[in-house]
């Protein structure tokens, strides 16, 4: 897969996510192309988009799916938007390998 919804850094990854709050079930997966050819990982959460509930649900879902503590995931851009940038702290090789598995399923 050549299109990637993340960028590697020395101490982790920047992950680009398009969030759908209020979904019937919580799940990660799939790519979505945004403006200018930028790619996002699709994420769905059941929480509503109010009071930070959808963002909290996204962090919980990512933590579970990536095996990463919630304290090592933070939203760095797009707090109140559907398209978000998250910082994942950890081994970039392990994180990118896990993301590739999620994207291919």
N, C-alpha and C. Protein backbone atom coordinates (compact mmCIF):
# COMPACT_ATOMS: atom_id res chain seq x y z
N UNK A 1 0.85 -1.17 0.00
CA UNK A 1 0.00 0.00 0.00
C UNK A 1 0.90 1.23 0.00
N UNK A 2 0.72 2.12 -0.98
CA UNK A 2 1.56 3.30 -1.06
C UNK A 2 0.97 4.49 -0.31
N UNK A 3 -0.34 4.64 -0.31
CA UNK A 3 -0.99 5.74 0.41
C UNK A 3 -1.00 5.41 1.90
N UNK A 4 -0.51 6.35 2.69
CA UNK A 4 -0.43 6.12 4.12
C UNK A 4 -1.09 7.26 4.87
N UNK A 5 -1.89 6.94 5.89
CA UNK A 5 -2.53 7.99 6.68
C UNK A 5 -1.68 8.40 7.88
N UNK A 6 -0.38 8.19 7.79
CA UNK A 6 0.50 8.54 8.90
C UNK A 6 1.85 8.99 8.38
N UNK A 7 2.58 9.65 9.27
CA UNK A 7 3.93 10.10 8.97
C UNK A 7 4.82 9.67 10.13
N UNK A 8 5.94 9.08 9.81
CA UNK A 8 6.87 8.58 10.84
C UNK A 8 7.69 9.71 11.43
N UNK A 9 7.96 9.59 12.72
CA UNK A 9 8.84 10.51 13.41
C UNK A 9 9.84 9.70 14.21
N UNK A 10 10.75 10.37 14.86
CA UNK A 10 11.80 9.68 15.63
C UNK A 10 11.23 8.91 16.81
N UNK A 11 10.19 9.43 17.43
CA UNK A 11 9.66 8.81 18.65
C UNK A 11 8.20 8.39 18.51
N UNK A 12 7.76 8.15 17.28
CA UNK A 12 6.38 7.73 17.10
C UNK A 12 5.86 8.08 15.72
N UNK A 13 4.55 8.25 15.66
CA UNK A 13 3.89 8.56 14.39
C UNK A 13 2.92 9.72 14.56
N UNK A 14 2.68 10.42 13.46
CA UNK A 14 1.56 11.34 13.35
C UNK A 14 0.52 10.58 12.54
N UNK A 15 -0.65 10.43 13.08
CA UNK A 15 -1.73 9.69 12.43
C UNK A 15 -2.82 10.66 12.04
N UNK A 16 -3.28 10.57 10.80
CA UNK A 16 -4.33 11.43 10.29
C UNK A 16 -5.62 10.61 10.24
N UNK A 17 -6.64 11.08 10.94
CA UNK A 17 -7.89 10.34 11.11
C UNK A 17 -9.07 11.18 10.68
N UNK A 18 -10.04 10.55 10.02
CA UNK A 18 -11.33 11.17 9.74
C UNK A 18 -12.33 10.45 10.62
N UNK A 19 -12.90 11.20 11.57
CA UNK A 19 -13.76 10.61 12.59
C UNK A 19 -15.24 10.77 12.25
N UNK A 20 -15.98 9.68 12.42
CA UNK A 20 -17.44 9.71 12.27
C UNK A 20 -18.05 9.41 13.64
N UNK A 21 -18.51 10.45 14.35
CA UNK A 21 -19.16 10.20 15.64
C UNK A 21 -20.60 9.73 15.43
N UNK A 22 -21.19 9.15 16.47
CA UNK A 22 -22.58 8.72 16.41
C UNK A 22 -22.82 7.53 15.50
N UNK A 23 -21.80 6.74 15.24
CA UNK A 23 -21.93 5.57 14.38
C UNK A 23 -22.62 4.43 15.14
N UNK A 24 -23.07 3.43 14.42
CA UNK A 24 -23.75 2.30 15.06
C UNK A 24 -22.77 1.40 15.81
N UNK A 25 -21.48 1.43 15.42
CA UNK A 25 -20.46 0.66 16.15
C UNK A 25 -19.11 1.36 16.02
N UNK A 26 -18.24 1.08 16.96
CA UNK A 26 -16.90 1.66 16.96
C UNK A 26 -15.95 0.76 16.18
N UNK A 27 -15.20 1.35 15.23
CA UNK A 27 -14.24 0.58 14.46
C UNK A 27 -13.25 1.49 13.76
N UNK A 28 -12.10 0.92 13.44
CA UNK A 28 -11.05 1.59 12.67
C UNK A 28 -10.90 0.88 11.35
N UNK A 29 -10.37 1.58 10.38
CA UNK A 29 -10.02 0.93 9.13
C UNK A 29 -10.42 1.72 7.93
N UNK A 30 -9.81 1.37 6.86
CA UNK A 30 -10.09 2.01 5.58
C UNK A 30 -9.39 3.34 5.42
N UNK A 31 -9.13 3.68 4.19
CA UNK A 31 -8.51 4.95 3.85
C UNK A 31 -9.52 5.86 3.20
N UNK A 32 -9.34 7.13 3.42
CA UNK A 32 -10.17 8.14 2.77
C UNK A 32 -9.22 9.22 2.27
N UNK A 33 -9.39 9.61 1.02
CA UNK A 33 -8.54 10.66 0.46
C UNK A 33 -9.19 12.01 0.70
N UNK A 34 -8.41 12.91 1.26
CA UNK A 34 -8.88 14.26 1.51
C UNK A 34 -8.38 15.21 0.44
N UNK A 35 -8.53 16.50 0.71
CA UNK A 35 -8.10 17.52 -0.23
C UNK A 35 -6.60 17.43 -0.47
N UNK A 36 -6.20 17.66 -1.69
CA UNK A 36 -4.78 17.68 -2.02
C UNK A 36 -4.10 16.33 -1.98
N UNK A 37 -4.86 15.24 -2.01
CA UNK A 37 -4.26 13.91 -2.02
C UNK A 37 -3.79 13.43 -0.66
N UNK A 38 -4.19 14.11 0.40
CA UNK A 38 -3.83 13.72 1.77
C UNK A 38 -4.74 12.58 2.20
N UNK A 39 -4.19 11.53 2.82
CA UNK A 39 -4.99 10.38 3.20
C UNK A 39 -5.26 10.34 4.70
N UNK A 40 -6.43 9.84 5.06
CA UNK A 40 -6.87 9.71 6.44
C UNK A 40 -7.31 8.28 6.70
N UNK A 41 -7.09 7.79 7.92
CA UNK A 41 -7.66 6.52 8.35
C UNK A 41 -9.08 6.83 8.82
N UNK A 42 -10.02 6.03 8.41
CA UNK A 42 -11.39 6.22 8.87
C UNK A 42 -11.57 5.60 10.26
N UNK A 43 -12.30 6.32 11.09
CA UNK A 43 -12.62 5.83 12.44
C UNK A 43 -14.08 6.16 12.72
N UNK A 44 -14.76 5.21 13.34
CA UNK A 44 -16.15 5.41 13.72
C UNK A 44 -16.27 5.14 15.22
N UNK A 45 -17.00 6.02 15.90
CA UNK A 45 -17.26 5.82 17.32
C UNK A 45 -18.75 6.04 17.57
N UNK A 46 -19.26 5.42 18.61
CA UNK A 46 -20.68 5.54 18.92
C UNK A 46 -21.00 6.81 19.70
N UNK A 47 -20.01 7.42 20.31
CA UNK A 47 -20.21 8.62 21.12
C UNK A 47 -20.63 9.80 20.25
N UNK A 48 -21.44 10.70 20.83
CA UNK A 48 -21.86 11.89 20.09
C UNK A 48 -20.74 12.94 20.03
N UNK A 49 -20.82 13.85 19.06
CA UNK A 49 -19.79 14.87 18.92
C UNK A 49 -20.02 16.08 19.83
N UNK A 50 -20.18 15.83 21.09
CA UNK A 50 -20.44 16.94 22.01
C UNK A 50 -19.62 16.76 23.28
N UNK A 51 -19.11 17.84 23.78
CA UNK A 51 -18.36 17.81 25.03
C UNK A 51 -17.11 16.94 25.01
N UNK A 52 -16.53 16.74 23.85
CA UNK A 52 -15.31 15.93 23.77
C UNK A 52 -15.54 14.44 23.87
N UNK A 53 -16.80 14.01 23.88
CA UNK A 53 -17.09 12.58 24.03
C UNK A 53 -16.58 11.75 22.86
N UNK A 54 -16.74 12.24 21.63
CA UNK A 54 -16.27 11.50 20.45
C UNK A 54 -14.75 11.41 20.45
N UNK A 55 -14.07 12.49 20.83
CA UNK A 55 -12.61 12.47 20.89
C UNK A 55 -12.12 11.47 21.93
N UNK A 56 -12.76 11.45 23.10
CA UNK A 56 -12.38 10.49 24.15
C UNK A 56 -12.60 9.06 23.67
N UNK A 57 -13.71 8.83 22.96
CA UNK A 57 -13.98 7.49 22.43
C UNK A 57 -12.95 7.10 21.37
N UNK A 58 -12.50 8.07 20.57
CA UNK A 58 -11.48 7.79 19.57
C UNK A 58 -10.16 7.39 20.24
N UNK A 59 -9.76 8.10 21.27
CA UNK A 59 -8.53 7.77 21.98
C UNK A 59 -8.62 6.38 22.60
N UNK A 60 -9.77 6.05 23.16
CA UNK A 60 -9.97 4.73 23.76
C UNK A 60 -9.89 3.63 22.69
N UNK A 61 -10.51 3.87 21.55
CA UNK A 61 -10.50 2.89 20.46
C UNK A 61 -9.08 2.69 19.92
N UNK A 62 -8.36 3.77 19.69
CA UNK A 62 -6.98 3.66 19.22
C UNK A 62 -6.10 2.94 20.22
N UNK A 63 -6.28 3.27 21.49
CA UNK A 63 -5.50 2.63 22.55
C UNK A 63 -5.70 1.11 22.52
N UNK A 64 -6.95 0.70 22.40
CA UNK A 64 -7.28 -0.73 22.38
C UNK A 64 -6.71 -1.41 21.13
N UNK A 65 -6.94 -0.81 19.97
CA UNK A 65 -6.55 -1.44 18.71
C UNK A 65 -5.04 -1.47 18.50
N UNK A 66 -4.33 -0.47 19.04
CA UNK A 66 -2.89 -0.39 18.84
C UNK A 66 -2.09 -0.94 20.02
N UNK A 67 -2.78 -1.28 21.12
CA UNK A 67 -2.07 -1.76 22.31
C UNK A 67 -1.17 -0.69 22.89
N UNK A 68 -1.66 0.53 22.89
CA UNK A 68 -0.89 1.68 23.32
C UNK A 68 -1.66 2.40 24.43
N UNK A 69 -0.99 2.79 25.49
CA UNK A 69 -1.64 3.50 26.59
C UNK A 69 -2.27 4.80 26.08
N UNK A 70 -3.45 5.14 26.60
CA UNK A 70 -4.12 6.38 26.19
C UNK A 70 -3.25 7.60 26.44
N UNK A 71 -2.41 7.53 27.45
CA UNK A 71 -1.53 8.67 27.76
C UNK A 71 -0.46 8.89 26.68
N UNK A 72 -0.30 7.93 25.78
CA UNK A 72 0.69 8.03 24.71
C UNK A 72 0.07 8.43 23.38
N UNK A 73 -1.22 8.82 23.44
CA UNK A 73 -1.95 9.26 22.24
C UNK A 73 -2.56 10.62 22.56
N UNK A 74 -2.33 11.58 21.67
CA UNK A 74 -2.97 12.87 21.89
C UNK A 74 -3.35 13.51 20.56
N UNK A 75 -4.40 14.29 20.59
CA UNK A 75 -4.85 15.02 19.41
C UNK A 75 -4.03 16.30 19.33
N UNK A 76 -3.34 16.49 18.21
CA UNK A 76 -2.51 17.69 18.06
C UNK A 76 -3.14 18.72 17.12
N UNK A 77 -4.12 18.32 16.33
CA UNK A 77 -4.82 19.25 15.44
C UNK A 77 -6.21 18.69 15.13
N UNK A 78 -7.18 19.58 14.99
CA UNK A 78 -8.53 19.16 14.62
C UNK A 78 -9.39 18.72 15.79
N UNK A 79 -9.14 19.25 16.96
CA UNK A 79 -9.90 18.87 18.17
C UNK A 79 -11.41 18.91 17.94
N UNK A 80 -11.90 19.93 17.22
CA UNK A 80 -13.35 20.05 17.01
C UNK A 80 -13.75 19.77 15.56
N UNK A 81 -12.84 19.21 14.78
CA UNK A 81 -13.13 18.89 13.37
C UNK A 81 -13.21 17.38 13.18
N UNK A 82 -13.75 16.96 12.05
CA UNK A 82 -13.78 15.52 11.74
C UNK A 82 -12.41 15.00 11.38
N UNK A 83 -11.62 15.82 10.69
CA UNK A 83 -10.28 15.42 10.29
C UNK A 83 -9.30 15.86 11.37
N UNK A 84 -8.59 14.89 11.94
CA UNK A 84 -7.73 15.12 13.09
C UNK A 84 -6.32 14.61 12.83
N UNK A 85 -5.37 15.22 13.52
CA UNK A 85 -4.00 14.73 13.54
C UNK A 85 -3.71 14.30 14.96
N UNK A 86 -3.22 13.07 15.11
CA UNK A 86 -2.90 12.54 16.43
C UNK A 86 -1.42 12.19 16.51
N UNK A 87 -0.87 12.34 17.67
CA UNK A 87 0.52 11.96 17.93
C UNK A 87 0.50 10.64 18.69
N UNK A 88 1.13 9.62 18.13
CA UNK A 88 1.24 8.31 18.77
C UNK A 88 2.68 8.16 19.23
N UNK A 89 2.90 8.07 20.52
CA UNK A 89 4.26 7.91 21.04
C UNK A 89 4.59 6.44 21.20
N UNK A 90 5.72 6.05 20.66
CA UNK A 90 6.15 4.66 20.75
C UNK A 90 7.08 4.32 19.61
N UNK A 91 7.39 3.04 19.49
CA UNK A 91 8.27 2.56 18.44
C UNK A 91 7.58 2.75 17.08
N UNK A 92 8.13 3.60 16.21
CA UNK A 92 7.47 3.85 14.93
C UNK A 92 7.33 2.61 14.06
N UNK A 93 8.31 1.69 14.13
CA UNK A 93 8.21 0.46 13.34
C UNK A 93 7.04 -0.41 13.79
N UNK A 94 6.91 -0.58 15.09
CA UNK A 94 5.82 -1.40 15.64
C UNK A 94 4.46 -0.73 15.38
N UNK A 95 4.38 0.58 15.56
CA UNK A 95 3.11 1.28 15.35
C UNK A 95 2.70 1.24 13.88
N UNK A 96 3.64 1.46 12.97
CA UNK A 96 3.28 1.44 11.55
C UNK A 96 2.89 0.03 11.11
N UNK A 97 3.55 -0.98 11.65
CA UNK A 97 3.18 -2.37 11.31
C UNK A 97 1.76 -2.67 11.78
N UNK A 98 1.42 -2.24 12.97
CA UNK A 98 0.05 -2.47 13.50
C UNK A 98 -0.98 -1.71 12.66
N UNK A 99 -0.66 -0.48 12.29
CA UNK A 99 -1.59 0.29 11.46
C UNK A 99 -1.79 -0.36 10.10
N UNK A 100 -0.73 -0.89 9.51
CA UNK A 100 -0.86 -1.56 8.21
C UNK A 100 -1.78 -2.78 8.31
N UNK A 101 -1.70 -3.50 9.42
CA UNK A 101 -2.61 -4.65 9.64
C UNK A 101 -4.05 -4.15 9.71
N UNK A 102 -4.28 -3.08 10.47
CA UNK A 102 -5.63 -2.54 10.61
C UNK A 102 -6.18 -2.05 9.28
N UNK A 103 -5.34 -1.41 8.50
CA UNK A 103 -5.77 -0.88 7.20
C UNK A 103 -6.06 -1.97 6.18
N UNK A 104 -5.37 -3.10 6.30
CA UNK A 104 -5.56 -4.16 5.32
C UNK A 104 -6.74 -5.08 5.66
N UNK A 105 -7.28 -4.95 6.87
CA UNK A 105 -8.39 -5.84 7.25
C UNK A 105 -9.74 -5.22 6.98
